[in-house]
C-alpha cells in the first residue's frame, strides 16, 4: 500500500513539473502587443498588409 501511494505521488509530481516546463516554453514563444489589445503574437510573426 505504501509503495502504491509513493508511486502515485511520484507520477503526479512528475506530471506537474513536466506540465510547468511545457507551459513555460509555449508561453515564452509568444509576445503581447499593446496595439492588438494584449493578444499573444508569435515572436517570429511578420506583419502582412494588403495593397
PDB file of N, CA and C in Angstrom:
ATOM      1  N   UNK A   1       0.819  -1.191   0.000  1.00  0.00           N
ATOM      2  CA  UNK A   1       0.000   0.000   0.000  1.00  0.00           C
ATOM      3  C   UNK A   1       0.864   1.257   0.000  1.00  0.00           C
ATOM      4  N   UNK A   2       1.950   1.214   0.776  1.00  0.00           N
ATOM      5  CA  UNK A   2       2.821   2.377   0.877  1.00  0.00           C
ATOM      6  C   UNK A   2       3.547   2.628  -0.444  1.00  0.00           C
ATOM      7  N   UNK A   3       3.944   1.553  -1.138  1.00  0.00           N
ATOM      8  CA  UNK A   3       4.617   1.709  -2.427  1.00  0.00           C
ATOM      9  C   UNK A   3       3.657   2.277  -3.470  1.00  0.00           C
ATOM     10  N   UNK A   4       2.408   1.883  -3.390  1.00  0.00           N
ATOM     11  CA  UNK A   4       1.412   2.365  -4.351  1.00  0.00           C
ATOM     12  C   UNK A   4       1.179   3.867  -4.178  1.00  0.00           C
ATOM     13  N   UNK A   5       1.116   4.328  -2.943  1.00  0.00           N
ATOM     14  CA  UNK A   5       0.912   5.750  -2.674  1.00  0.00           C
ATOM     15  C   UNK A   5       2.128   6.551  -3.118  1.00  0.00           C
ATOM     16  N   UNK A   6       3.323   6.052  -2.826  1.00  0.00           N
ATOM     17  CA  UNK A   6       4.531   6.786  -3.221  1.00  0.00           C
ATOM     18  C   UNK A   6       4.683   6.789  -4.748  1.00  0.00           C
ATOM     19  N   UNK A   7       4.286   5.725  -5.402  1.00  0.00           N
ATOM     20  CA  UNK A   7       4.330   5.690  -6.858  1.00  0.00           C
ATOM     21  C   UNK A   7       3.351   6.674  -7.476  1.00  0.00           C
ATOM     22  N   UNK A   8       2.172   6.765  -6.888  1.00  0.00           N
ATOM     23  CA  UNK A   8       1.167   7.713  -7.364  1.00  0.00           C
ATOM     24  C   UNK A   8       1.639   9.148  -7.167  1.00  0.00           C
ATOM     25  N   UNK A   9       2.226   9.431  -6.010  1.00  0.00           N
ATOM     26  CA  UNK A   9       2.750  10.774  -5.759  1.00  0.00           C
ATOM     27  C   UNK A   9       3.903  11.115  -6.695  1.00  0.00           C
ATOM     28  N   UNK A  10       4.737  10.149  -6.991  1.00  0.00           N
ATOM     29  CA  UNK A  10       5.853  10.374  -7.906  1.00  0.00           C
ATOM     30  C   UNK A  10       5.342  10.704  -9.305  1.00  0.00           C
ATOM     31  N   UNK A  11       4.392   9.942  -9.785  1.00  0.00           N
ATOM     32  CA  UNK A  11       3.828  10.192 -11.118  1.00  0.00           C
ATOM     33  C   UNK A  11       3.119  11.536 -11.157  1.00  0.00           C
ATOM     34  N   UNK A  12       2.376  11.874 -10.103  1.00  0.00           N
ATOM     35  CA  UNK A  12       1.664  13.152 -10.064  1.00  0.00           C
ATOM     36  C   UNK A  12       2.639  14.319 -10.052  1.00  0.00           C
ATOM     37  N   UNK A  13       3.694  14.237  -9.260  1.00  0.00           N
ATOM     38  CA  UNK A  13       4.648  15.347  -9.200  1.00  0.00           C
ATOM     39  C   UNK A  13       5.437  15.469 -10.498  1.00  0.00           C
ATOM     40  N   UNK A  14       5.784  14.375 -11.137  1.00  0.00           N
ATOM     41  CA  UNK A  14       6.472  14.439 -12.432  1.00  0.00           C
ATOM     42  C   UNK A  14       5.566  15.042 -13.498  1.00  0.00           C
ATOM     43  N   UNK A  15       4.274  14.728 -13.446  1.00  0.00           N
ATOM     44  CA  UNK A  15       3.333  15.297 -14.406  1.00  0.00           C
ATOM     45  C   UNK A  15       3.199  16.802 -14.214  1.00  0.00           C
ATOM     46  N   UNK A  16       3.143  17.246 -12.968  1.00  0.00           N
ATOM     47  CA  UNK A  16       3.022  18.679 -12.692  1.00  0.00           C
ATOM     48  C   UNK A  16       4.278  19.417 -13.134  1.00  0.00           C
ATOM     49  N   UNK A  17       5.439  18.860 -12.852  1.00  0.00           N
ATOM     50  CA  UNK A  17       6.703  19.505 -13.226  1.00  0.00           C
ATOM     51  C   UNK A  17       6.846  19.562 -14.743  1.00  0.00           C
ATOM     52  N   UNK A  18       6.559  18.470 -15.426  1.00  0.00           N
ATOM     53  CA  UNK A  18       6.686  18.481 -16.883  1.00  0.00           C
ATOM     54  C   UNK A  18       5.643  19.395 -17.518  1.00  0.00           C
ATOM     55  N   UNK A  19       4.462  19.470 -16.944  1.00  0.00           N
ATOM     56  CA  UNK A  19       3.442  20.396 -17.442  1.00  0.00           C
ATOM     57  C   UNK A  19       3.880  21.836 -17.288  1.00  0.00           C
ATOM     58  N   UNK A  20       4.524  22.151 -16.175  1.00  0.00           N
ATOM     59  CA  UNK A  20       5.017  23.515 -15.960  1.00  0.00           C
ATOM     60  C   UNK A  20       6.118  23.864 -16.946  1.00  0.00           C
ATOM     61  N   UNK A  21       6.989  22.926 -17.241  1.00  0.00           N
ATOM     62  CA  UNK A  21       8.067  23.168 -18.214  1.00  0.00           C
ATOM     63  C   UNK A  21       7.495  23.385 -19.607  1.00  0.00           C
ATOM     64  N   UNK A  22       6.542  22.563 -20.000  1.00  0.00           N
ATOM     65  CA  UNK A  22       5.917  22.709 -21.321  1.00  0.00           C
ATOM     66  C   UNK A  22       5.187  24.042 -21.412  1.00  0.00           C
ATOM     67  N   UNK A  23       4.474  24.424 -20.358  1.00  0.00           N
ATOM     68  CA  UNK A  23       3.767  25.709 -20.343  1.00  0.00           C
ATOM     69  C   UNK A  23       4.744  26.874 -20.474  1.00  0.00           C
ATOM     70  N   UNK A  24       5.880  26.794 -19.799  1.00  0.00           N
ATOM     71  CA  UNK A  24       6.886  27.859 -19.873  1.00  0.00           C
ATOM     72  C   UNK A  24       7.392  28.028 -21.300  1.00  0.00           C
ATOM     73  N   UNK A  25       7.727  26.925 -21.980  1.00  0.00           N
ATOM     74  CA  UNK A  25       8.254  27.021 -23.342  1.00  0.00           C
ATOM     75  C   UNK A  25       7.204  27.512 -24.328  1.00  0.00           C
ATOM     76  N   UNK A  26       5.957  27.122 -24.150  1.00  0.00           N
ATOM     77  CA  UNK A  26       4.904  27.592 -25.043  1.00  0.00           C
ATOM     78  C   UNK A  26       4.643  29.077 -24.834  1.00  0.00           C
ATOM     79  N   UNK A  27       4.564  29.494 -23.582  1.00  0.00           N
ATOM     80  CA  UNK A  27       4.255  30.897 -23.313  1.00  0.00           C
ATOM     81  C   UNK A  27       5.425  31.819 -23.615  1.00  0.00           C
ATOM     82  N   UNK A  28       6.655  31.320 -23.590  1.00  0.00           N
ATOM     83  CA  UNK A  28       7.801  32.183 -23.869  1.00  0.00           C
ATOM     84  C   UNK A  28       7.981  32.411 -25.370  1.00  0.00           C
ATOM     85  N   UNK A  29       7.308  31.649 -26.205  1.00  0.00           N
ATOM     86  CA  UNK A  29       7.446  31.838 -27.645  1.00  0.00           C
ATOM     87  C   UNK A  29       6.451  32.862 -28.188  1.00  0.00           C
ATOM     88  N   UNK A  30       5.649  33.451 -27.309  1.00  0.00           N
ATOM     89  CA  UNK A  30       4.682  34.464 -27.713  1.00  0.00           C
ATOM     90  C   UNK A  30       4.962  35.771 -26.977  1.00  0.00           C
ATOM     91  N   UNK A  31       4.667  36.880 -27.653  1.00  0.00           N
ATOM     92  CA  UNK A  31       4.763  38.187 -27.013  1.00  0.00           C
ATOM     93  C   UNK A  31       3.390  38.838 -27.051  1.00  0.00           C
ATOM     94  N   UNK A  32       3.176  39.792 -26.170  1.00  0.00           N
ATOM     95  CA  UNK A  32       1.924  40.531 -26.203  1.00  0.00           C
ATOM     96  C   UNK A  32       2.205  41.927 -26.732  1.00  0.00           C
ATOM     97  N   UNK A  33       1.292  42.428 -27.513  1.00  0.00           N
ATOM     98  CA  UNK A  33       1.461  43.759 -28.078  1.00  0.00           C
ATOM     99  C   UNK A  33       0.334  44.654 -27.608  1.00  0.00           C
ATOM    100  N   UNK A  34       0.650  45.900 -27.363  1.00  0.00           N
ATOM    101  CA  UNK A  34      -0.376  46.846 -26.926  1.00  0.00           C
ATOM    102  C   UNK A  34      -1.306  47.216 -28.080  1.00  0.00           C
ATOM    103  N   UNK A  35      -0.786  47.176 -29.318  1.00  0.00           N
ATOM    104  CA  UNK A  35      -1.601  47.520 -30.476  1.00  0.00           C
ATOM    105  C   UNK A  35      -2.744  46.526 -30.685  1.00  0.00           C
ATOM    106  N   UNK A  36      -2.536  45.296 -30.291  1.00  0.00           N
ATOM    107  CA  UNK A  36      -3.551  44.263 -30.501  1.00  0.00           C
ATOM    108  C   UNK A  36      -4.274  43.906 -29.205  1.00  0.00           C
ATOM    109  N   UNK A  37      -4.327  44.836 -28.269  1.00  0.00           N
ATOM    110  CA  UNK A  37      -5.052  44.653 -27.006  1.00  0.00           C
ATOM    111  C   UNK A  37      -4.569  43.423 -26.244  1.00  0.00           C
ATOM    112  N   UNK A  38      -3.266  43.298 -26.117  1.00  0.00           N
ATOM    113  CA  UNK A  38      -2.619  42.219 -25.360  1.00  0.00           C
ATOM    114  C   UNK A  38      -2.882  40.824 -25.931  1.00  0.00           C
ATOM    115  N   UNK A  39      -3.171  40.743 -27.222  1.00  0.00           N
ATOM    116  CA  UNK A  39      -3.357  39.445 -27.871  1.00  0.00           C
ATOM    117  C   UNK A  39      -1.980  38.819 -28.099  1.00  0.00           C
ATOM    118  N   UNK A  40      -1.765  37.539 -27.766  1.00  0.00           N
ATOM    119  CA  UNK A  40      -0.439  36.929 -27.937  1.00  0.00           C
ATOM    120  C   UNK A  40      -0.089  36.737 -29.414  1.00  0.00           C
ATOM    121  N   UNK A  41       1.099  37.157 -29.789  1.00  0.00           N
ATOM    122  CA  UNK A  41       1.579  37.062 -31.162  1.00  0.00           C
ATOM    123  C   UNK A  41       2.892  36.290 -31.155  1.00  0.00           C
ATOM    124  N   UNK A  42       3.083  35.300 -32.048  1.00  0.00           N
ATOM    125  CA  UNK A  42       4.348  34.575 -32.098  1.00  0.00           C
ATOM    126  C   UNK A  42       5.517  35.532 -32.348  1.00  0.00           C
ATOM    127  N   UNK A  43       6.673  35.223 -31.762  1.00  0.00           N
ATOM    128  CA  UNK A  43       7.846  36.093 -31.879  1.00  0.00           C
ATOM    129  C   UNK A  43       8.339  36.214 -33.317  1.00  0.00           C
ATOM    130  N   UNK A  44       8.207  35.175 -34.110  1.00  0.00           N
ATOM    131  CA  UNK A  44       8.729  35.206 -35.479  1.00  0.00           C
ATOM    132  C   UNK A  44       7.659  35.576 -36.507  1.00  0.00           C
ATOM    133  N   UNK A  45       6.555  36.166 -36.051  1.00  0.00           N
ATOM    134  CA  UNK A  45       5.472  36.556 -36.966  1.00  0.00           C
ATOM    135  C   UNK A  45       5.858  37.817 -37.744  1.00  0.00           C
ATOM    136  N   UNK A  46       5.366  37.901 -38.964  1.00  0.00           N
ATOM    137  CA  UNK A  46       5.597  39.071 -39.801  1.00  0.00           C
ATOM    138  C   UNK A  46       4.252  39.718 -40.108  1.00  0.00           C
ATOM    139  N   UNK A  47       4.245  41.032 -40.186  1.00  0.00           N
ATOM    140  CA  UNK A  47       3.021  41.763 -40.489  1.00  0.00           C
ATOM    141  C   UNK A  47       2.789  41.756 -41.992  1.00  0.00           C
ATOM    142  N   UNK A  48       1.597  41.331 -42.402  1.00  0.00           N
ATOM    143  CA  UNK A  48       1.237  41.284 -43.819  1.00  0.00           C
ATOM    144  C   UNK A  48       0.138  42.313 -44.033  1.00  0.00           C
ATOM    145  N   UNK A  49       0.359  43.236 -44.958  1.00  0.00           N
ATOM    146  CA  UNK A  49      -0.628  44.264 -45.232  1.00  0.00           C
ATOM    147  C   UNK A  49      -1.129  44.129 -46.666  1.00  0.00           C
ATOM    148  N   UNK A  50      -2.409  44.381 -46.871  1.00  0.00           N
ATOM    149  CA  UNK A  50      -2.992  44.364 -48.211  1.00  0.00           C
ATOM    150  C   UNK A  50      -2.649  45.663 -48.924  1.00  0.00           C
ATOM    151  N   UNK A  51      -2.419  45.580 -50.225  1.00  0.00           N
ATOM    152  CA  UNK A  51      -2.091  46.783 -51.001  1.00  0.00           C
ATOM    153  C   UNK A  51      -3.296  47.320 -51.702  1.00  0.00           C
TER     154      UNK A  51
END
